[in-house]
C-alpha atoms as a PDB file:
ATOM      1  CA  MET A   1      76.677  98.174  98.919  1.00  0.00           C
ATOM      2  CA  LYS A   2      80.030  99.381 100.234  1.00  0.00           C
ATOM      3  CA  ILE A   3      81.133 103.338  99.806  1.00  0.00           C
ATOM      4  CA  PHE A   4      84.874 104.709 100.248  1.00  0.00           C
ATOM      5  CA  ILE A   5      84.443 108.595 100.134  1.00  0.00           C
ATOM      6  CA  SER A   6      87.646 110.648 100.546  1.00  0.00           C
ATOM      7  CA  GLY A   7      88.099 114.148 100.171  1.00  0.00           C
ATOM      8  CA  GLY A   8      89.443 117.572 102.126  1.00  0.00           C
ATOM      9  CA  ALA A   9      88.188 118.678 105.252  1.00  0.00           C
ATOM     10  CA  LYS A  10      84.459 120.930 105.036  1.00  0.00           C
ATOM     11  CA  ASN A  11      83.906 119.566 101.744  1.00  0.00           C
ATOM     12  CA  GLY A  12      80.715 118.062 102.304  1.00  0.00           C
ATOM     13  CA  LYS A  13      81.989 114.388 102.713  1.00  0.00           C
ATOM     14  CA  SER A  14      80.101 113.835 105.909  1.00  0.00           C
ATOM     15  CA  MET A  15      76.886 115.023 104.679  1.00  0.00           C
ATOM     16  CA  PHE A  16      77.241 112.942 101.514  1.00  0.00           C
ATOM     17  CA  ALA A  17      77.856 110.279 103.558  1.00  0.00           C
ATOM     18  CA  GLN A  18      74.382 110.344 105.516  1.00  0.00           C
ATOM     19  CA  GLU A  19      72.774 110.822 102.757  1.00  0.00           C
ATOM     20  CA  CYS A  20      73.794 107.340 101.001  1.00  0.00           C
ATOM     21  CA  ALA A  21      73.873 105.845 104.015  1.00  0.00           C
ATOM     22  CA  LYS A  22      70.162 106.793 105.108  1.00  0.00           C
ATOM     23  CA  LYS A  23      69.325 105.983 101.225  1.00  0.00           C
ATOM     24  CA  LEU A  24      70.670 102.541 101.691  1.00  0.00           C
ATOM     25  CA  SER A  25      69.453 101.183 105.285  1.00  0.00           C
ATOM     26  CA  ILE A  26      66.134  99.861 107.072  1.00  0.00           C
ATOM     27  CA  GLU A  27      65.326 102.964 109.059  1.00  0.00           C
ATOM     28  CA  GLU A  28      65.725 100.492 112.372  1.00  0.00           C
ATOM     29  CA  HIS A  29      69.249  99.491 110.879  1.00  0.00           C
ATOM     30  CA  LEU A  30      71.080 102.781 110.719  1.00  0.00           C
ATOM     31  CA  TRP A  31      73.949 103.346 112.378  1.00  0.00           C
ATOM     32  CA  TYR A  32      76.957 105.891 112.676  1.00  0.00           C
ATOM     33  CA  LEU A  33      79.972 104.392 113.955  1.00  0.00           C
ATOM     34  CA  ALA A  34      81.949 107.474 115.523  1.00  0.00           C
ATOM     35  CA  THR A  35      85.268 106.867 115.902  1.00  0.00           C
ATOM     36  CA  MET A  36      87.086 110.048 116.772  1.00  0.00           C
ATOM     37  CA  GLU A  37      88.171 110.316 120.511  1.00  0.00           C
ATOM     38  CA  PRO A  38      87.815 114.119 121.396  1.00  0.00           C
ATOM     39  CA  ARG A  39      90.897 115.487 122.863  1.00  0.00           C
ATOM     40  CA  ASP A  40      90.581 119.166 122.882  1.00  0.00           C
ATOM     41  CA  ASP A  41      87.858 121.967 122.098  1.00  0.00           C
ATOM     42  CA  GLU A  42      88.235 121.987 118.898  1.00  0.00           C
ATOM     43  CA  ASP A  43      87.797 118.234 118.592  1.00  0.00           C
ATOM     44  CA  PHE A  44      84.159 118.340 121.008  1.00  0.00           C
ATOM     45  CA  ALA A  45      83.027 121.513 118.514  1.00  0.00           C
ATOM     46  CA  ARG A  46      83.491 118.863 116.087  1.00  0.00           C
ATOM     47  CA  VAL A  47      81.440 115.858 117.434  1.00  0.00           C
ATOM     48  CA  ALA A  48      78.916 118.247 118.489  1.00  0.00           C
ATOM     49  CA  ARG A  49      78.392 119.929 115.401  1.00  0.00           C
ATOM     50  CA  HIS A  50      78.308 116.310 113.407  1.00  0.00           C
ATOM     51  CA  ARG A  51      75.472 114.975 116.145  1.00  0.00           C
ATOM     52  CA  ASN A  52      73.529 117.840 114.980  1.00  0.00           C
ATOM     53  CA  GLU A  53      73.385 117.621 111.672  1.00  0.00           C
ATOM     54  CA  ARG A  54      72.346 114.245 111.699  1.00  0.00           C
ATOM     55  CA  ALA A  55      69.640 114.830 114.321  1.00  0.00           C
ATOM     56  CA  GLY A  56      66.490 113.752 113.149  1.00  0.00           C
ATOM     57  CA  TRP A  57      68.061 111.284 110.407  1.00  0.00           C
ATOM     58  CA  GLY A  58      67.586 108.161 112.495  1.00  0.00           C
ATOM     59  CA  PHE A  59      71.096 107.175 113.300  1.00  0.00           C
ATOM     60  CA  LYS A  60      71.924 104.827 116.664  1.00  0.00           C
ATOM     61  CA  THR A  61      75.468 105.799 117.609  1.00  0.00           C
ATOM     62  CA  ALA A  62      78.178 103.356 118.209  1.00  0.00           C
ATOM     63  CA  GLU A  63      81.460 104.653 119.820  1.00  0.00           C
ATOM     64  CA  TRP A  64      84.053 102.732 118.786  1.00  0.00           C
ATOM     65  CA  GLY A  65      87.226 104.400 118.833  1.00  0.00           C
ATOM     66  CA  ARG A  66      89.549 101.379 118.237  1.00  0.00           C
ATOM     67  CA  ASN A  67      89.602  97.821 118.353  1.00  0.00           C
ATOM     68  CA  ILE A  68      86.812  97.335 115.987  1.00  0.00           C
ATOM     69  CA  ALA A  69      87.400  93.829 116.055  1.00  0.00           C
ATOM     70  CA  LEU A  70      86.688  93.606 119.299  1.00  0.00           C
ATOM     71  CA  HIS A  71      82.824  94.708 118.759  1.00  0.00           C
ATOM     72  CA  SER A  72      82.382  91.690 116.041  1.00  0.00           C
ATOM     73  CA  GLU A  73      79.791  90.257 118.318  1.00  0.00           C
ATOM     74  CA  GLU A  74      77.711  93.469 118.412  1.00  0.00           C
ATOM     75  CA  ILE A  75      77.526  94.220 114.425  1.00  0.00           C
ATOM     76  CA  ASP A  76      74.039  94.283 113.175  1.00  0.00           C
ATOM     77  CA  CYS A  77      74.285  91.896 110.071  1.00  0.00           C
ATOM     78  CA  LYS A  78      71.315  93.963 108.529  1.00  0.00           C
ATOM     79  CA  GLY A  79      72.940  97.302 109.117  1.00  0.00           C
ATOM     80  CA  THR A  80      73.852 100.305 107.231  1.00  0.00           C
ATOM     81  CA  TYR A  81      76.692 101.729 109.198  1.00  0.00           C
ATOM     82  CA  LEU A  82      78.350 104.896 108.786  1.00  0.00           C
ATOM     83  CA  VAL A  83      82.149 104.799 109.367  1.00  0.00           C
ATOM     84  CA  ASP A  84      83.494 108.082 110.422  1.00  0.00           C
ATOM     85  CA  SER A  85      86.166 108.495 110.166  1.00  0.00           C
ATOM     86  CA  VAL A  86      88.945 106.239 108.678  1.00  0.00           C
ATOM     87  CA  THR A  87      91.326 108.941 109.744  1.00  0.00           C
ATOM     88  CA  ALA A  88      90.424 109.212 113.206  1.00  0.00           C
ATOM     89  CA  LEU A  89      90.700 105.549 113.675  1.00  0.00           C
ATOM     90  CA  LEU A  90      93.541 105.003 112.289  1.00  0.00           C
ATOM     91  CA  SER A  91      95.305 107.980 114.398  1.00  0.00           C
ATOM     92  CA  ASN A  92      94.010 106.434 117.902  1.00  0.00           C
ATOM     93  CA  GLU A  93      95.660 103.315 116.313  1.00  0.00           C
ATOM     94  CA  MET A  94      98.768 104.413 115.521  1.00  0.00           C
ATOM     95  CA  PHE A  95      99.435 107.445 118.000  1.00  0.00           C
ATOM     96  CA  CYS A  96      97.567 106.406 121.330  1.00  0.00           C
ATOM     97  CA  GLY A  97      99.375 103.852 124.156  1.00  0.00           C
ATOM     98  CA  MET A  98     102.502 103.592 122.789  1.00  0.00           C
ATOM     99  CA  GLY A  99     104.722 105.422 125.043  1.00  0.00           C
ATOM    100  CA  GLY A 100     105.770 108.374 122.413  1.00  0.00           C
ATOM    101  CA  ASP A 101     106.259 105.835 120.153  1.00  0.00           C
ATOM    102  CA  ILE A 102     104.355 104.884 116.567  1.00  0.00           C
ATOM    103  CA  ASN A 103     102.756 101.763 116.429  1.00  0.00           C
ATOM    104  CA  LYS A 104     103.641 100.815 112.811  1.00  0.00           C
ATOM    105  CA  SER A 105     100.937  97.784 112.650  1.00  0.00           C
ATOM    106  CA  ALA A 106      98.561  99.746 112.790  1.00  0.00           C
ATOM    107  CA  PRO A 107      97.491 100.173 109.321  1.00  0.00           C
ATOM    108  CA  GLU A 108      97.211  96.873 108.494  1.00  0.00           C
ATOM    109  CA  LYS A 109      95.253  95.944 111.567  1.00  0.00           C
ATOM    110  CA  VAL A 110      92.962  99.313 110.957  1.00  0.00           C
ATOM    111  CA  ALA A 111      92.360  97.801 107.196  1.00  0.00           C
ATOM    112  CA  LYS A 112      91.865  94.031 108.079  1.00  0.00           C
ATOM    113  CA  GLU A 113      89.697  95.159 110.904  1.00  0.00           C
ATOM    114  CA  LEU A 114      87.540  97.158 108.263  1.00  0.00           C
ATOM    115  CA  LEU A 115      87.453  94.417 105.882  1.00  0.00           C
ATOM    116  CA  ASP A 116      86.062  91.771 108.091  1.00  0.00           C
ATOM    117  CA  PHE A 117      83.178  94.261 109.632  1.00  0.00           C
ATOM    118  CA  SER A 118      82.531  95.411 105.826  1.00  0.00           C
ATOM    119  CA  ASP A 119      81.792  91.666 105.170  1.00  0.00           C
ATOM    120  CA  LYS A 120      79.505  91.858 108.212  1.00  0.00           C
ATOM    121  CA  ALA A 121      77.222  94.744 107.789  1.00  0.00           C
ATOM    122  CA  LYS A 122      74.947  94.801 105.657  1.00  0.00           C
ATOM    123  CA  ASP A 123      75.850  98.060 103.887  1.00  0.00           C
ATOM    124  CA  VAL A 124      79.077 100.400 104.992  1.00  0.00           C
ATOM    125  CA  VAL A 125      79.943 104.004 103.845  1.00  0.00           C
ATOM    126  CA  PHE A 126      83.567 104.823 105.020  1.00  0.00           C
ATOM    127  CA  VAL A 127      84.551 108.378 105.288  1.00  0.00           C
ATOM    128  CA  SER A 128      88.213 109.777 105.034  1.00  0.00           C
ATOM    129  CA  ASP A 129      90.343 112.227 104.787  1.00  0.00           C
ATOM    130  CA  ASN A 130      92.563 112.975 101.416  1.00  0.00           C
ATOM    131  CA  LEU A 131      95.860 114.155 103.092  1.00  0.00           C
ATOM    132  CA  PHE A 132      97.883 113.619 100.094  1.00  0.00           C
ATOM    133  CA  CYS A 133      97.958 116.907  97.997  1.00  0.00           C
ATOM    134  CA  ASP A 134     100.851 118.566  99.010  1.00  0.00           C
ATOM    135  CA  ALA A 135     104.798 118.239  98.345  1.00  0.00           C
ATOM    136  CA  ALA A 136     105.653 119.065 102.016  1.00  0.00           C
ATOM    137  CA  PHE A 137     108.450 117.391 103.531  1.00  0.00           C
ATOM    138  CA  TYR A 138     107.063 116.149 107.080  1.00  0.00           C
ATOM    139  CA  ASP A 139     108.536 114.335 110.032  1.00  0.00           C
ATOM    140  CA  GLU A 140     108.471 110.716 110.920  1.00  0.00           C
ATOM    141  CA  TRP A 141     105.227 110.516 112.418  1.00  0.00           C
ATOM    142  CA  THR A 142     103.286 112.825 110.166  1.00  0.00           C
ATOM    143  CA  ASP A 143     105.170 110.428 106.979  1.00  0.00           C
ATOM    144  CA  SER A 144     103.637 106.990 108.684  1.00  0.00           C
ATOM    145  CA  TYR A 145     100.588 108.179 109.059  1.00  0.00           C
ATOM    146  CA  ARG A 146      99.934 109.050 105.671  1.00  0.00           C
ATOM    147  CA  GLU A 147     101.353 106.206 104.372  1.00  0.00           C
ATOM    148  CA  GLY A 148      99.107 104.020 106.624  1.00  0.00           C
ATOM    149  CA  LEU A 149      96.381 106.095 105.739  1.00  0.00           C
ATOM    150  CA  ALA A 150      97.187 105.401 102.123  1.00  0.00           C
ATOM    151  CA  PHE A 151      97.261 101.910 102.744  1.00  0.00           C
ATOM    152  CA  VAL A 152      94.227 101.307 104.417  1.00  0.00           C
ATOM    153  CA  ASP A 153      92.121 103.983 101.865  1.00  0.00           C
ATOM    154  CA  ARG A 154      93.357 101.889  98.807  1.00  0.00           C
ATOM    155  CA  ALA A 155      92.446  98.448 100.649  1.00  0.00           C
ATOM    156  CA  LEU A 156      88.760 100.096 101.127  1.00  0.00           C
ATOM    157  CA  ALA A 157      88.758 101.733  97.772  1.00  0.00           C
ATOM    158  CA  GLU A 158      89.733  97.909  96.170  1.00  0.00           C
ATOM    159  CA  LYS A 159      86.515  96.375  98.214  1.00  0.00           C
ATOM    160  CA  CYS A 160      84.422  99.316  97.777  1.00  0.00           C
ATOM    161  CA  ASP A 161      81.714  99.031  95.445  1.00  0.00           C
ATOM    162  CA  ILE A 162      81.443 103.124  94.814  1.00  0.00           C
ATOM    163  CA  VAL A 163      84.685 105.167  95.481  1.00  0.00           C
ATOM    164  CA  ALA A 164      84.606 109.156  95.489  1.00  0.00           C
ATOM    165  CA  GLU A 165      86.316 112.114  96.211  1.00  0.00           C
ATOM    166  CA  PHE A 166      85.163 115.269  97.517  1.00  0.00           C
ATOM    167  CA  SER A 167      87.572 118.526  96.390  1.00  0.00           C
ATOM    168  CA  CYS A 168      86.490 122.009  96.596  1.00  0.00           C
ATOM    169  CA  GLY A 169      82.668 121.132  97.027  1.00  0.00           C
ATOM    170  CA  GLN A 170      82.494 119.066  94.004  1.00  0.00           C
ATOM    171  CA  ILE A 171      82.123 114.867  93.978  1.00  0.00           C
ATOM    172  CA  ILE A 172      84.515 113.177  91.833  1.00  0.00           C
ATOM    173  CA  TYR A 173      83.473 109.585  91.095  1.00  0.00           C
ATOM    174  CA  TYR A 174      86.293 107.040  90.669  1.00  0.00           C
ATOM    175  CA  LYS A 175      84.201 103.677  90.428  1.00  0.00           C
ATOM    176  CA  GLY A 176      80.849 102.771  90.741  1.00  0.00           C
ATOM    177  CA  GLU A 177      79.025 106.589  90.029  1.00  0.00           C
ATOM    178  CA  ASP A 178      75.847 104.724  88.751  1.00  0.00           C
ATOM    179  CA  LEU A 179      75.219 102.618  91.289  1.00  0.00           C
ATOM    180  CA  LEU A 180      73.948 105.317  93.353  1.00  0.00           C
END
């Protein structure tokens, strides 16, 4: 089963994703794929909060902030993976190590690597952030990132059996609600 969950910050997506992954998993094959590379106190606090929230759930954690394809030999084929988050993974790939430049090929790379990853794992729950609900004008970096995230999200949503969005604490299903 492949599940894609999107929505705004602090709307309950991560907790819902944990519940979905736990439901799908065989206990000894439950993985939390952490993609955030913390950079400041707020990031470290978020990582700590997520660790506390999943304590006792039976997750083994893998920290793969970039280059998912390099870890293909490590993928547990019987595993259920919670990938949290697509948003952080794309950011890591687009903006790090480029000398201040934008890696514009990152969205295609991330989409391909995540789709290949999802083919190898038994079950995957992807978490992404909805950054598309405003009409503001942004700089080139932000516009490129938002376009890239939309590309990756569409690719994953097309592949997934269940597609859901969290908005104002409510869940909206676009595909596969009856599968849960």
